[in-house]
PDB file of all heavy atoms in Angstrom:
ATOM      1  N   THR A   1      92.446  99.084 104.413  1.00  0.00           N
ATOM      2  CA  THR A   1      92.100  99.867 103.213  1.00  0.00           C
ATOM      3  C   THR A   1      93.411 100.433 102.611  1.00  0.00           C
ATOM      4  O   THR A   1      94.342 100.668 103.353  1.00  0.00           O
ATOM      5  CB  THR A   1      91.152 101.057 103.552  1.00  0.00           C
ATOM      6  OG1 THR A   1      91.812 101.925 104.437  1.00  0.00           O
ATOM      7  CG2 THR A   1      89.860 100.562 104.157  1.00  0.00           C
ATOM      8  N   ASN A   2      93.388 100.580 101.320  1.00  0.00           N
ATOM      9  CA  ASN A   2      94.500 101.181 100.633  1.00  0.00           C
ATOM     10  C   ASN A   2      93.960 101.724  99.331  1.00  0.00           C
ATOM     11  O   ASN A   2      93.734 100.980  98.355  1.00  0.00           O
ATOM     12  CB  ASN A   2      95.632 100.172 100.386  1.00  0.00           C
ATOM     13  CG  ASN A   2      96.859 100.795  99.756  1.00  0.00           C
ATOM     14  OD1 ASN A   2      96.724 101.529  98.767  1.00  0.00           O
ATOM     15  ND2 ASN A   2      98.018 100.502 100.296  1.00  0.00           N
ATOM     16  N   ALA A   3      93.671 103.035  99.277  1.00  0.00           N
ATOM     17  CA  ALA A   3      93.032 103.657  98.126  1.00  0.00           C
ATOM     18  C   ALA A   3      93.824 103.460  96.823  1.00  0.00           C
ATOM     19  O   ALA A   3      93.239 103.171  95.800  1.00  0.00           O
ATOM     20  CB  ALA A   3      92.772 105.136  98.403  1.00  0.00           C
ATOM     21  N   GLU A   4      95.125 103.611  96.932  1.00  0.00           N
ATOM     22  CA  GLU A   4      95.950 103.479  95.729  1.00  0.00           C
ATOM     23  C   GLU A   4      95.919 102.039  95.178  1.00  0.00           C
ATOM     24  O   GLU A   4      95.732 101.807  93.982  1.00  0.00           O
ATOM     25  CB  GLU A   4      97.411 103.860  96.034  1.00  0.00           C
ATOM     26  CG  GLU A   4      98.330 103.871  94.859  1.00  0.00           C
ATOM     27  CD  GLU A   4      99.704 104.343  95.248  1.00  0.00           C
ATOM     28  OE1 GLU A   4      99.859 105.382  95.890  1.00  0.00           O
ATOM     29  OE2 GLU A   4     100.677 103.607  94.882  1.00  0.00           O
ATOM     30  N   ALA A   5      96.033 101.081  96.070  1.00  0.00           N
ATOM     31  CA  ALA A   5      96.001  99.669  95.623  1.00  0.00           C
ATOM     32  C   ALA A   5      94.605  99.294  95.133  1.00  0.00           C
ATOM     33  O   ALA A   5      94.493  98.601  94.108  1.00  0.00           O
ATOM     34  CB  ALA A   5      96.377  98.784  96.805  1.00  0.00           C
ATOM     35  N   ALA A   6      93.572  99.819  95.765  1.00  0.00           N
ATOM     36  CA  ALA A   6      92.196  99.541  95.323  1.00  0.00           C
ATOM     37  C   ALA A   6      91.994 100.116  93.931  1.00  0.00           C
ATOM     38  O   ALA A   6      91.384  99.437  93.061  1.00  0.00           O
ATOM     39  CB  ALA A   6      91.196 100.108  96.302  1.00  0.00           C
ATOM     40  N   ALA A   7      92.473 101.330  93.688  1.00  0.00           N
ATOM     41  CA  ALA A   7      92.300 101.977  92.365  1.00  0.00           C
ATOM     42  C   ALA A   7      93.039 101.162  91.303  1.00  0.00           C
ATOM     43  O   ALA A   7      92.510 100.985  90.191  1.00  0.00           O
ATOM     44  CB  ALA A   7      92.826 103.427  92.411  1.00  0.00           C
ATOM     45  N   LYS A   8      94.228 100.709  91.607  1.00  0.00           N
ATOM     46  CA  LYS A   8      95.005  99.924  90.644  1.00  0.00           C
ATOM     47  C   LYS A   8      94.264  98.605  90.324  1.00  0.00           C
ATOM     48  O   LYS A   8      94.202  98.194  89.185  1.00  0.00           O
ATOM     49  CB  LYS A   8      96.404  99.628  91.148  1.00  0.00           C
ATOM     50  CG  LYS A   8      97.245  98.909  90.193  1.00  0.00           C
ATOM     51  CD  LYS A   8      98.720  98.880  90.596  1.00  0.00           C
ATOM     52  CE  LYS A   8      99.526  98.427  89.404  1.00  0.00           C
ATOM     53  NZ  LYS A   8     100.902  98.774  89.526  1.00  0.00           N
ATOM     54  N   ALA A   9      93.761  97.960  91.345  1.00  0.00           N
ATOM     55  CA  ALA A   9      93.004  96.711  91.137  1.00  0.00           C
ATOM     56  C   ALA A   9      91.767  96.961  90.285  1.00  0.00           C
ATOM     57  O   ALA A   9      91.494  96.194  89.339  1.00  0.00           O
ATOM     58  CB  ALA A   9      92.620  96.088  92.489  1.00  0.00           C
ATOM     59  N   ARG A  10      91.016  98.008  90.569  1.00  0.00           N
ATOM     60  CA  ARG A  10      89.799  98.327  89.788  1.00  0.00           C
ATOM     61  C   ARG A  10      90.189  98.602  88.329  1.00  0.00           C
ATOM     62  O   ARG A  10      89.510  98.172  87.418  1.00  0.00           O
ATOM     63  CB  ARG A  10      89.078  99.511  90.378  1.00  0.00           C
ATOM     64  CG  ARG A  10      88.295  99.149  91.648  1.00  0.00           C
ATOM     65  CD  ARG A  10      87.416 100.308  92.114  1.00  0.00           C
ATOM     66  NE  ARG A  10      86.814  99.996  93.367  1.00  0.00           N
ATOM     67  CZ  ARG A  10      87.271 100.420  94.538  1.00  0.00           C
ATOM     68  NH1 ARG A  10      88.309 101.244  94.621  1.00  0.00           N
ATOM     69  NH2 ARG A  10      86.683 100.046  95.672  1.00  0.00           N
ATOM     70  N   LYS A  11      91.250  99.381  88.152  1.00  0.00           N
ATOM     71  CA  LYS A  11      91.680  99.723  86.796  1.00  0.00           C
ATOM     72  C   LYS A  11      92.024  98.466  86.005  1.00  0.00           C
ATOM     73  O   LYS A  11      91.841  98.397  84.796  1.00  0.00           O
ATOM     74  CB  LYS A  11      92.896 100.657  86.864  1.00  0.00           C
ATOM     75  CG  LYS A  11      93.326 101.149  85.495  1.00  0.00           C
ATOM     76  CD  LYS A  11      94.444 102.182  85.623  1.00  0.00           C
ATOM     77  CE  LYS A  11      94.843 102.638  84.256  1.00  0.00           C
ATOM     78  NZ  LYS A  11      95.948 103.605  84.251  1.00  0.00           N
ATOM     79  N   ALA A  12      92.508  97.434  86.703  1.00  0.00           N
ATOM     80  CA  ALA A  12      92.848  96.141  86.038  1.00  0.00           C
ATOM     81  C   ALA A  12      91.625  95.240  85.869  1.00  0.00           C
ATOM     82  O   ALA A  12      91.760  94.144  85.366  1.00  0.00           O
ATOM     83  CB  ALA A  12      93.943  95.460  86.837  1.00  0.00           C
ATOM     84  N   GLY A  13      90.452  95.725  86.337  1.00  0.00           N
ATOM     85  CA  GLY A  13      89.223  94.966  86.159  1.00  0.00           C
ATOM     86  C   GLY A  13      88.794  94.106  87.344  1.00  0.00           C
ATOM     87  O   GLY A  13      87.845  93.328  87.223  1.00  0.00           O
ATOM     88  N   LEU A  14      89.472  94.205  88.457  1.00  0.00           N
ATOM     89  CA  LEU A  14      89.098  93.435  89.653  1.00  0.00           C
ATOM     90  C   LEU A  14      87.992  94.149  90.403  1.00  0.00           C
ATOM     91  O   LEU A  14      87.971  95.403  90.464  1.00  0.00           O
ATOM     92  CB  LEU A  14      90.273  93.199  90.595  1.00  0.00           C
ATOM     93  CG  LEU A  14      91.243  92.104  90.249  1.00  0.00           C
ATOM     94  CD1 LEU A  14      92.107  92.444  89.066  1.00  0.00           C
ATOM     95  CD2 LEU A  14      92.085  91.742  91.467  1.00  0.00           C
ATOM     96  N   GLU A  15      87.090  93.403  90.998  1.00  0.00           N
ATOM     97  CA  GLU A  15      86.166  93.927  91.994  1.00  0.00           C
ATOM     98  C   GLU A  15      86.969  94.134  93.251  1.00  0.00           C
ATOM     99  O   GLU A  15      87.910  93.372  93.547  1.00  0.00           O
ATOM    100  CB  GLU A  15      85.035  92.943  92.273  1.00  0.00           C
ATOM    101  CG  GLU A  15      84.102  92.738  91.136  1.00  0.00           C
ATOM    102  CD  GLU A  15      83.224  93.958  90.851  1.00  0.00           C
ATOM    103  OE1 GLU A  15      82.863  94.672  91.815  1.00  0.00           O
ATOM    104  OE2 GLU A  15      82.929  94.202  89.677  1.00  0.00           O
ATOM    105  N   VAL A  16      86.654  95.163  94.035  1.00  0.00           N
ATOM    106  CA  VAL A  16      87.411  95.462  95.243  1.00  0.00           C
ATOM    107  C   VAL A  16      86.437  95.627  96.419  1.00  0.00           C
ATOM    108  O   VAL A  16      85.462  96.341  96.329  1.00  0.00           O
ATOM    109  CB  VAL A  16      88.257  96.746  95.084  1.00  0.00           C
ATOM    110  CG1 VAL A  16      88.956  97.109  96.404  1.00  0.00           C
ATOM    111  CG2 VAL A  16      89.250  96.600  93.951  1.00  0.00           C
ATOM    112  N   VAL A  17      86.767  94.942  97.491  1.00  0.00           N
ATOM    113  CA  VAL A  17      86.053  95.073  98.762  1.00  0.00           C
ATOM    114  C   VAL A  17      87.116  95.463  99.772  1.00  0.00           C
ATOM    115  O   VAL A  17      88.178  94.812  99.861  1.00  0.00           O
ATOM    116  CB  VAL A  17      85.367  93.743  99.185  1.00  0.00           C
ATOM    117  CG1 VAL A  17      84.660  93.937 100.533  1.00  0.00           C
ATOM    118  CG2 VAL A  17      84.407  93.294  98.099  1.00  0.00           C
ATOM    119  N   GLU A  18      86.830  96.519 100.539  1.00  0.00           N
ATOM    120  CA  GLU A  18      87.758  96.984 101.568  1.00  0.00           C
ATOM    121  C   GLU A  18      87.071  97.007 102.924  1.00  0.00           C
ATOM    122  O   GLU A  18      85.869  97.237 103.014  1.00  0.00           O
ATOM    123  CB  GLU A  18      88.236  98.384 101.267  1.00  0.00           C
ATOM    124  CG  GLU A  18      89.030  98.538  99.988  1.00  0.00           C
ATOM    125  CD  GLU A  18      89.499  99.965  99.784  1.00  0.00           C
ATOM    126  OE1 GLU A  18      90.539 100.334 100.420  1.00  0.00           O
ATOM    127  OE2 GLU A  18      88.845 100.690  99.017  1.00  0.00           O
ATOM    128  N   ASN A  19      87.874  96.780 103.946  1.00  0.00           N
ATOM    129  CA  ASN A  19      87.443  96.954 105.318  1.00  0.00           C
ATOM    130  C   ASN A  19      86.214  96.121 105.686  1.00  0.00           C
ATOM    131  O   ASN A  19      85.328  96.585 106.393  1.00  0.00           O
ATOM    132  CB  ASN A  19      87.170  98.445 105.608  1.00  0.00           C
ATOM    133  CG  ASN A  19      87.050  98.734 107.097  1.00  0.00           C
ATOM    134  OD1 ASN A  19      87.635  98.056 107.922  1.00  0.00           O
ATOM    135  ND2 ASN A  19      86.314  99.780 107.420  1.00  0.00           N
ATOM    136  N   ARG A  20      86.142  94.901 105.185  1.00  0.00           N
ATOM    137  CA  ARG A  20      85.047  93.991 105.525  1.00  0.00           C
ATOM    138  C   ARG A  20      85.621  92.591 105.730  1.00  0.00           C
ATOM    139  O   ARG A  20      86.503  92.182 104.991  1.00  0.00           O
ATOM    140  CB  ARG A  20      84.018  93.918 104.423  1.00  0.00           C
ATOM    141  CG  ARG A  20      83.211  95.184 104.307  1.00  0.00           C
ATOM    142  CD  ARG A  20      82.048  94.994 103.386  1.00  0.00           C
ATOM    143  NE  ARG A  20      81.325  96.229 103.240  1.00  0.00           N
ATOM    144  CZ  ARG A  20      80.013  96.300 103.092  1.00  0.00           C
ATOM    145  NH1 ARG A  20      79.300  95.207 103.069  1.00  0.00           N
ATOM    146  NH2 ARG A  20      79.437  97.440 102.929  1.00  0.00           N
ATOM    147  N   CYS A  21      85.032  91.863 106.656  1.00  0.00           N
ATOM    148  CA  CYS A  21      85.457  90.475 106.900  1.00  0.00           C
ATOM    149  C   CYS A  21      84.628  89.529 106.011  1.00  0.00           C
ATOM    150  O   CYS A  21      83.398  89.583 106.061  1.00  0.00           O
ATOM    151  CB  CYS A  21      85.245  90.103 108.343  1.00  0.00           C
ATOM    152  SG  CYS A  21      85.642  88.360 108.678  1.00  0.00           S
ATOM    153  N   ILE A  22      85.271  88.770 105.183  1.00  0.00           N
ATOM    154  CA  ILE A  22      84.621  87.879 104.262  1.00  0.00           C
ATOM    155  C   ILE A  22      83.744  86.868 104.987  1.00  0.00           C
ATOM    156  O   ILE A  22      82.638  86.524 104.538  1.00  0.00           O
ATOM    157  CB  ILE A  22      85.600  87.223 103.274  1.00  0.00           C
ATOM    158  CG1 ILE A  22      84.882  86.529 102.098  1.00  0.00           C
ATOM    159  CG2 ILE A  22      86.542  86.284 103.991  1.00  0.00           C
ATOM    160  CD1 ILE A  22      85.792  86.111 100.980  1.00  0.00           C
ATOM    161  N   ALA A  23      84.175  86.363 106.137  1.00  0.00           N
ATOM    162  CA  ALA A  23      83.407  85.366 106.898  1.00  0.00           C
ATOM    163  C   ALA A  23      82.160  86.038 107.520  1.00  0.00           C
ATOM    164  O   ALA A  23      81.061  85.466 107.484  1.00  0.00           O
ATOM    165  CB  ALA A  23      84.242  84.738 107.988  1.00  0.00           C
ATOM    166  N   VAL A  24      82.312  87.232 108.021  1.00  0.00           N
ATOM    167  CA  VAL A  24      81.151  87.959 108.605  1.00  0.00           C
ATOM    168  C   VAL A  24      80.128  88.227 107.503  1.00  0.00           C
ATOM    169  O   VAL A  24      78.938  88.052 107.704  1.00  0.00           O
ATOM    170  CB  VAL A  24      81.606  89.277 109.264  1.00  0.00           C
ATOM    171  CG1 VAL A  24      80.431  90.168 109.627  1.00  0.00           C
ATOM    172  CG2 VAL A  24      82.410  88.957 110.525  1.00  0.00           C
ATOM    173  N   GLU A  25      80.605  88.647 106.330  1.00  0.00           N
ATOM    174  CA  GLU A  25      79.671  88.926 105.258  1.00  0.00           C
ATOM    175  C   GLU A  25      78.958  87.676 104.809  1.00  0.00           C
ATOM    176  O   GLU A  25      77.748  87.678 104.522  1.00  0.00           O
ATOM    177  CB  GLU A  25      80.416  89.579 104.072  1.00  0.00           C
ATOM    178  CG  GLU A  25      80.961  90.959 104.366  1.00  0.00           C
ATOM    179  CD  GLU A  25      79.890  91.978 104.756  1.00  0.00           C
ATOM    180  OE1 GLU A  25      78.772  91.983 104.167  1.00  0.00           O
ATOM    181  OE2 GLU A  25      80.155  92.755 105.684  1.00  0.00           O
ATOM    182  N   HIS A  26      79.680  86.572 104.720  1.00  0.00           N
ATOM    183  CA  HIS A  26      79.062  85.260 104.358  1.00  0.00           C
ATOM    184  C   HIS A  26      77.974  84.891 105.363  1.00  0.00           C
ATOM    185  O   HIS A  26      76.848  84.513 104.952  1.00  0.00           O
ATOM    186  CB  HIS A  26      80.163  84.200 104.350  1.00  0.00           C
ATOM    187  CG  HIS A  26      79.723  82.901 103.743  1.00  0.00           C
ATOM    188  ND1 HIS A  26      79.186  81.897 104.531  1.00  0.00           N
ATOM    189  CD2 HIS A  26      79.757  82.433 102.469  1.00  0.00           C
ATOM    190  CE1 HIS A  26      78.854  80.887 103.772  1.00  0.00           C
ATOM    191  NE2 HIS A  26      79.187  81.169 102.502  1.00  0.00           N
ATOM    192  N   GLN A  27      78.274  85.043 106.647  1.00  0.00           N
ATOM    193  CA  GLN A  27      77.258  84.741 107.678  1.00  0.00           C
ATOM    194  C   GLN A  27      76.075  85.707 107.628  1.00  0.00           C
ATOM    195  O   GLN A  27      74.940  85.285 107.713  1.00  0.00           O
ATOM    196  CB  GLN A  27      77.911  84.833 109.115  1.00  0.00           C
ATOM    197  CG  GLN A  27      78.892  83.721 109.357  1.00  0.00           C
ATOM    198  CD  GLN A  27      79.646  83.947 110.638  1.00  0.00           C
ATOM    199  OE1 GLN A  27      79.451  84.930 111.366  1.00  0.00           O
ATOM    200  NE2 GLN A  27      80.527  83.000 110.983  1.00  0.00           N
ATOM    201  N   ARG A  28      76.376  86.991 107.477  1.00  0.00           N
ATOM    202  CA  ARG A  28      75.323  88.020 107.465  1.00  0.00           C
ATOM    203  C   ARG A  28      74.332  87.759 106.316  1.00  0.00           C
ATOM    204  O   ARG A  28      73.127  87.961 106.487  1.00  0.00           O
ATOM    205  CB  ARG A  28      75.934  89.404 107.291  1.00  0.00           C
ATOM    206  CG  ARG A  28      74.966  90.527 107.365  1.00  0.00           C
ATOM    207  CD  ARG A  28      75.672  91.877 107.195  1.00  0.00           C
ATOM    208  NE  ARG A  28      76.351  92.028 105.917  1.00  0.00           N
ATOM    209  CZ  ARG A  28      75.725  92.304 104.770  1.00  0.00           C
ATOM    210  NH1 ARG A  28      74.439  92.449 104.737  1.00  0.00           N
ATOM    211  NH2 ARG A  28      76.434  92.423 103.668  1.00  0.00           N
ATOM    212  N   LEU A  29      74.817  87.301 105.184  1.00  0.00           N
ATOM    213  CA  LEU A  29      73.952  87.045 104.047  1.00  0.00           C
ATOM    214  C   LEU A  29      73.268  85.674 104.112  1.00  0.00           C
ATOM    215  O   LEU A  29      72.486  85.327 103.254  1.00  0.00           O
ATOM    216  CB  LEU A  29      74.776  87.139 102.756  1.00  0.00           C
ATOM    217  CG  LEU A  29      75.232  88.588 102.452  1.00  0.00           C
ATOM    218  CD1 LEU A  29      76.292  88.552 101.325  1.00  0.00           C
ATOM    219  CD2 LEU A  29      74.073  89.475 102.088  1.00  0.00           C
ATOM    220  N   GLY A  30      73.625  84.882 105.123  1.00  0.00           N
ATOM    221  CA  GLY A  30      72.977  83.594 105.305  1.00  0.00           C
ATOM    222  C   GLY A  30      73.341  82.585 104.213  1.00  0.00           C
ATOM    223  O   GLY A  30      72.516  81.761 103.850  1.00  0.00           O
TER     224      GLY A  30
END
């Protein structure tokens, strides 16, 4: 996690996901 980096990314229009594994989320959602 990095609150400052996340805020900068959001301000630039990016979606931000922190502290989650993309593979675990993909599996969890089936």
